[in-house]
């Protein structure tokens, strides 16, 4: 959980559109997790945008102490990998 204890996630795709899709956590280490993926044409390439909302089981204090930094690390690494692969 949050980089310390392994946690299993069960996620479902809730919505699919021409330029986006949305997945939501059904089971996992958070009270709620929603991830919107958007892709659009941009000058010189493609703009990929992640919009993530989540709520920790322990509420705002736990989000502030652990979850926000964990999510930032995960998505920073994800975006670096995407740039390397698709760059």
N, C-alpha and C. Protein backbone atom coordinates (compact mmCIF):
# COMPACT_ATOMS: atom_id res chain seq x y z
N UNK A 1 0.85 -1.17 0.00
CA UNK A 1 0.00 0.00 0.00
C UNK A 1 0.89 1.23 0.00
N UNK A 2 0.72 2.07 -0.98
CA UNK A 2 1.43 3.34 -1.12
C UNK A 2 2.94 3.17 -1.10
N UNK A 3 3.40 2.12 -1.80
CA UNK A 3 4.82 1.88 -1.93
C UNK A 3 5.44 1.12 -0.77
N UNK A 4 4.65 0.75 0.23
CA UNK A 4 5.18 0.07 1.40
C UNK A 4 4.67 -1.37 1.47
N UNK A 5 3.37 -1.55 1.37
CA UNK A 5 2.73 -2.86 1.46
C UNK A 5 2.04 -3.15 0.13
N UNK A 6 2.29 -4.32 -0.48
CA UNK A 6 1.61 -4.62 -1.74
C UNK A 6 0.08 -4.59 -1.57
N UNK A 7 -0.59 -4.07 -2.57
CA UNK A 7 -2.06 -4.01 -2.54
C UNK A 7 -2.59 -4.41 -3.90
N UNK A 8 -3.67 -5.15 -3.92
CA UNK A 8 -4.33 -5.54 -5.18
C UNK A 8 -5.42 -4.53 -5.50
N UNK A 9 -5.51 -4.21 -6.76
CA UNK A 9 -6.54 -3.29 -7.24
C UNK A 9 -7.45 -4.06 -8.21
N UNK A 10 -8.73 -3.82 -8.14
CA UNK A 10 -9.68 -4.28 -9.14
C UNK A 10 -10.26 -3.03 -9.76
N UNK A 11 -10.08 -2.91 -11.07
CA UNK A 11 -10.47 -1.69 -11.79
C UNK A 11 -11.38 -2.07 -12.94
N UNK A 12 -12.35 -1.22 -13.24
CA UNK A 12 -13.26 -1.44 -14.35
C UNK A 12 -13.24 -0.20 -15.25
N UNK A 13 -13.34 -0.43 -16.56
CA UNK A 13 -13.48 0.68 -17.50
C UNK A 13 -14.94 1.10 -17.48
N UNK A 14 -15.21 2.33 -17.09
CA UNK A 14 -16.58 2.82 -16.95
C UNK A 14 -17.09 3.53 -18.19
N UNK A 15 -16.18 4.11 -18.95
CA UNK A 15 -16.60 4.96 -20.07
C UNK A 15 -15.52 4.92 -21.14
N UNK A 16 -15.93 4.85 -22.40
CA UNK A 16 -15.00 4.88 -23.52
C UNK A 16 -15.56 5.83 -24.57
N UNK A 17 -14.73 6.75 -25.01
CA UNK A 17 -15.12 7.68 -26.07
C UNK A 17 -14.06 7.69 -27.16
N UNK A 18 -14.25 8.54 -28.16
CA UNK A 18 -13.31 8.62 -29.26
C UNK A 18 -11.91 9.01 -28.81
N UNK A 19 -11.84 9.90 -27.84
CA UNK A 19 -10.54 10.41 -27.41
C UNK A 19 -10.30 10.28 -25.91
N UNK A 20 -11.06 9.43 -25.26
CA UNK A 20 -10.87 9.27 -23.82
C UNK A 20 -11.43 7.94 -23.33
N UNK A 21 -10.98 7.56 -22.16
CA UNK A 21 -11.64 6.49 -21.42
C UNK A 21 -11.45 6.74 -19.94
N UNK A 22 -12.34 6.17 -19.14
CA UNK A 22 -12.33 6.37 -17.70
C UNK A 22 -12.34 5.02 -17.01
N UNK A 23 -11.42 4.84 -16.07
CA UNK A 23 -11.46 3.64 -15.25
C UNK A 23 -11.68 4.03 -13.79
N UNK A 24 -12.32 3.12 -13.06
CA UNK A 24 -12.59 3.34 -11.64
C UNK A 24 -12.22 2.09 -10.85
N UNK A 25 -11.73 2.29 -9.64
CA UNK A 25 -11.39 1.20 -8.76
C UNK A 25 -12.66 0.62 -8.13
N UNK A 26 -12.78 -0.70 -8.19
CA UNK A 26 -13.87 -1.38 -7.50
C UNK A 26 -13.42 -1.84 -6.12
N UNK A 27 -12.19 -2.36 -6.06
CA UNK A 27 -11.60 -2.81 -4.80
C UNK A 27 -10.14 -2.39 -4.79
N UNK A 28 -9.67 -1.99 -3.63
CA UNK A 28 -8.27 -1.60 -3.53
C UNK A 28 -7.99 -0.84 -2.25
N UNK A 29 -6.84 -0.18 -2.20
CA UNK A 29 -6.39 0.45 -0.97
C UNK A 29 -6.99 1.82 -0.69
N UNK A 30 -7.87 2.30 -1.55
CA UNK A 30 -8.47 3.62 -1.38
C UNK A 30 -9.98 3.51 -1.23
N UNK A 31 -10.58 4.55 -0.68
CA UNK A 31 -12.05 4.61 -0.61
C UNK A 31 -12.62 4.77 -2.02
N UNK A 32 -11.96 5.58 -2.84
CA UNK A 32 -12.41 5.80 -4.22
C UNK A 32 -11.21 6.19 -5.08
N UNK A 33 -11.26 5.81 -6.37
CA UNK A 33 -10.22 6.17 -7.33
C UNK A 33 -10.85 6.20 -8.71
N UNK A 34 -10.68 7.32 -9.41
CA UNK A 34 -11.20 7.50 -10.77
C UNK A 34 -10.09 8.09 -11.61
N UNK A 35 -9.85 7.50 -12.79
CA UNK A 35 -8.75 7.92 -13.65
C UNK A 35 -9.29 8.15 -15.06
N UNK A 36 -9.25 9.39 -15.49
CA UNK A 36 -9.69 9.76 -16.83
C UNK A 36 -8.45 9.95 -17.70
N UNK A 37 -8.43 9.25 -18.84
CA UNK A 37 -7.33 9.32 -19.81
C UNK A 37 -7.86 10.08 -21.03
N UNK A 38 -7.19 11.14 -21.43
CA UNK A 38 -7.60 11.92 -22.61
C UNK A 38 -6.44 12.01 -23.58
N UNK A 39 -6.75 11.88 -24.86
CA UNK A 39 -5.76 11.99 -25.92
C UNK A 39 -6.29 12.97 -26.96
N UNK A 40 -5.43 13.92 -27.35
CA UNK A 40 -5.86 14.86 -28.39
C UNK A 40 -4.65 15.29 -29.21
N UNK A 41 -4.93 15.66 -30.45
CA UNK A 41 -3.88 16.13 -31.34
C UNK A 41 -3.33 17.45 -30.81
N UNK A 42 -2.02 17.60 -30.93
CA UNK A 42 -1.36 18.83 -30.52
C UNK A 42 -0.27 19.13 -31.55
N UNK A 43 0.17 20.36 -31.57
CA UNK A 43 1.21 20.74 -32.50
C UNK A 43 2.45 19.88 -32.26
N UNK A 44 2.88 19.18 -33.29
CA UNK A 44 4.07 18.35 -33.19
C UNK A 44 3.87 17.00 -32.54
N UNK A 45 2.63 16.61 -32.28
CA UNK A 45 2.44 15.30 -31.67
C UNK A 45 1.08 15.11 -31.06
N UNK A 46 1.07 14.48 -29.93
CA UNK A 46 -0.17 14.13 -29.24
C UNK A 46 -0.08 14.59 -27.79
N UNK A 47 -1.18 15.13 -27.29
CA UNK A 47 -1.27 15.52 -25.89
C UNK A 47 -2.04 14.44 -25.15
N UNK A 48 -1.41 13.85 -24.15
CA UNK A 48 -2.04 12.82 -23.33
C UNK A 48 -2.22 13.41 -21.94
N UNK A 49 -3.45 13.41 -21.45
CA UNK A 49 -3.76 14.02 -20.16
C UNK A 49 -4.39 12.99 -19.24
N UNK A 50 -3.89 12.93 -18.01
CA UNK A 50 -4.48 12.11 -16.96
C UNK A 50 -5.19 13.04 -15.99
N UNK A 51 -6.41 12.71 -15.65
CA UNK A 51 -7.12 13.41 -14.58
C UNK A 51 -7.50 12.35 -13.56
N UNK A 52 -6.96 12.48 -12.36
CA UNK A 52 -7.15 11.46 -11.33
C UNK A 52 -7.81 12.09 -10.11
N UNK A 53 -8.85 11.44 -9.61
CA UNK A 53 -9.45 11.84 -8.34
C UNK A 53 -9.48 10.61 -7.45
N UNK A 54 -9.25 10.83 -6.16
CA UNK A 54 -9.22 9.72 -5.22
C UNK A 54 -9.55 10.21 -3.83
N UNK A 55 -9.93 9.27 -2.99
CA UNK A 55 -10.19 9.52 -1.57
C UNK A 55 -9.57 8.38 -0.78
N UNK A 56 -8.82 8.73 0.24
CA UNK A 56 -8.19 7.72 1.10
C UNK A 56 -9.19 7.22 2.13
N UNK A 57 -9.01 5.99 2.55
CA UNK A 57 -9.86 5.43 3.60
C UNK A 57 -9.71 6.23 4.88
N UNK A 58 -8.52 6.72 5.17
CA UNK A 58 -8.28 7.51 6.38
C UNK A 58 -8.62 8.98 6.25
N UNK A 59 -9.20 9.38 5.10
CA UNK A 59 -9.60 10.77 4.92
C UNK A 59 -8.44 11.69 4.54
N UNK A 60 -8.70 12.99 4.63
CA UNK A 60 -7.76 14.01 4.20
C UNK A 60 -6.39 13.92 4.88
N UNK A 61 -6.31 13.62 6.18
CA UNK A 61 -4.98 13.54 6.79
C UNK A 61 -4.09 12.47 6.14
N UNK A 62 -4.65 11.30 5.86
CA UNK A 62 -3.87 10.24 5.22
C UNK A 62 -3.52 10.63 3.78
N UNK A 63 -4.46 11.26 3.07
CA UNK A 63 -4.16 11.73 1.72
C UNK A 63 -2.96 12.66 1.75
N UNK A 64 -2.97 13.60 2.68
CA UNK A 64 -1.90 14.59 2.77
C UNK A 64 -0.58 13.93 3.15
N UNK A 65 -0.61 13.00 4.11
CA UNK A 65 0.62 12.39 4.60
C UNK A 65 1.24 11.39 3.64
N UNK A 66 0.41 10.61 2.94
CA UNK A 66 0.94 9.50 2.16
C UNK A 66 0.48 9.44 0.71
N UNK A 67 -0.79 9.56 0.49
CA UNK A 67 -1.35 9.23 -0.82
C UNK A 67 -0.95 10.25 -1.89
N UNK A 68 -0.98 11.53 -1.59
CA UNK A 68 -0.65 12.55 -2.59
C UNK A 68 0.77 12.35 -3.14
N UNK A 69 1.74 12.14 -2.26
CA UNK A 69 3.12 11.94 -2.70
C UNK A 69 3.26 10.64 -3.49
N UNK A 70 2.57 9.60 -3.05
CA UNK A 70 2.61 8.32 -3.76
C UNK A 70 2.05 8.47 -5.18
N UNK A 71 0.90 9.12 -5.30
CA UNK A 71 0.30 9.32 -6.63
C UNK A 71 1.21 10.16 -7.52
N UNK A 72 1.82 11.19 -6.97
CA UNK A 72 2.73 12.03 -7.76
C UNK A 72 3.90 11.19 -8.28
N UNK A 73 4.48 10.34 -7.45
CA UNK A 73 5.59 9.48 -7.89
C UNK A 73 5.14 8.51 -8.97
N UNK A 74 3.99 7.89 -8.77
CA UNK A 74 3.49 6.91 -9.75
C UNK A 74 3.27 7.57 -11.11
N UNK A 75 2.60 8.71 -11.12
CA UNK A 75 2.28 9.34 -12.40
C UNK A 75 3.49 10.03 -13.03
N UNK A 76 4.42 10.53 -12.24
CA UNK A 76 5.67 11.05 -12.81
C UNK A 76 6.41 9.93 -13.54
N UNK A 77 6.53 8.78 -12.89
CA UNK A 77 7.21 7.64 -13.52
C UNK A 77 6.46 7.17 -14.76
N UNK A 78 5.16 7.15 -14.68
CA UNK A 78 4.33 6.72 -15.82
C UNK A 78 4.54 7.63 -17.01
N UNK A 79 4.54 8.93 -16.78
CA UNK A 79 4.71 9.88 -17.87
C UNK A 79 6.12 9.82 -18.46
N UNK A 80 7.13 9.62 -17.63
CA UNK A 80 8.49 9.46 -18.15
C UNK A 80 8.57 8.21 -19.03
N UNK A 81 7.96 7.11 -18.60
CA UNK A 81 7.96 5.89 -19.40
C UNK A 81 7.23 6.08 -20.72
N UNK A 82 6.11 6.77 -20.69
CA UNK A 82 5.36 7.01 -21.93
C UNK A 82 6.18 7.85 -22.90
N UNK A 83 6.86 8.88 -22.39
CA UNK A 83 7.70 9.71 -23.26
C UNK A 83 8.84 8.88 -23.86
N UNK A 84 9.42 8.02 -23.06
CA UNK A 84 10.51 7.16 -23.54
C UNK A 84 10.00 6.20 -24.62
N UNK A 85 8.84 5.60 -24.39
CA UNK A 85 8.29 4.63 -25.33
C UNK A 85 7.73 5.27 -26.59
N UNK A 86 7.06 6.39 -26.43
CA UNK A 86 6.36 7.00 -27.56
C UNK A 86 7.07 8.22 -28.12
N UNK A 87 8.01 8.76 -27.34
CA UNK A 87 8.74 9.98 -27.59
C UNK A 87 8.96 10.35 -28.98
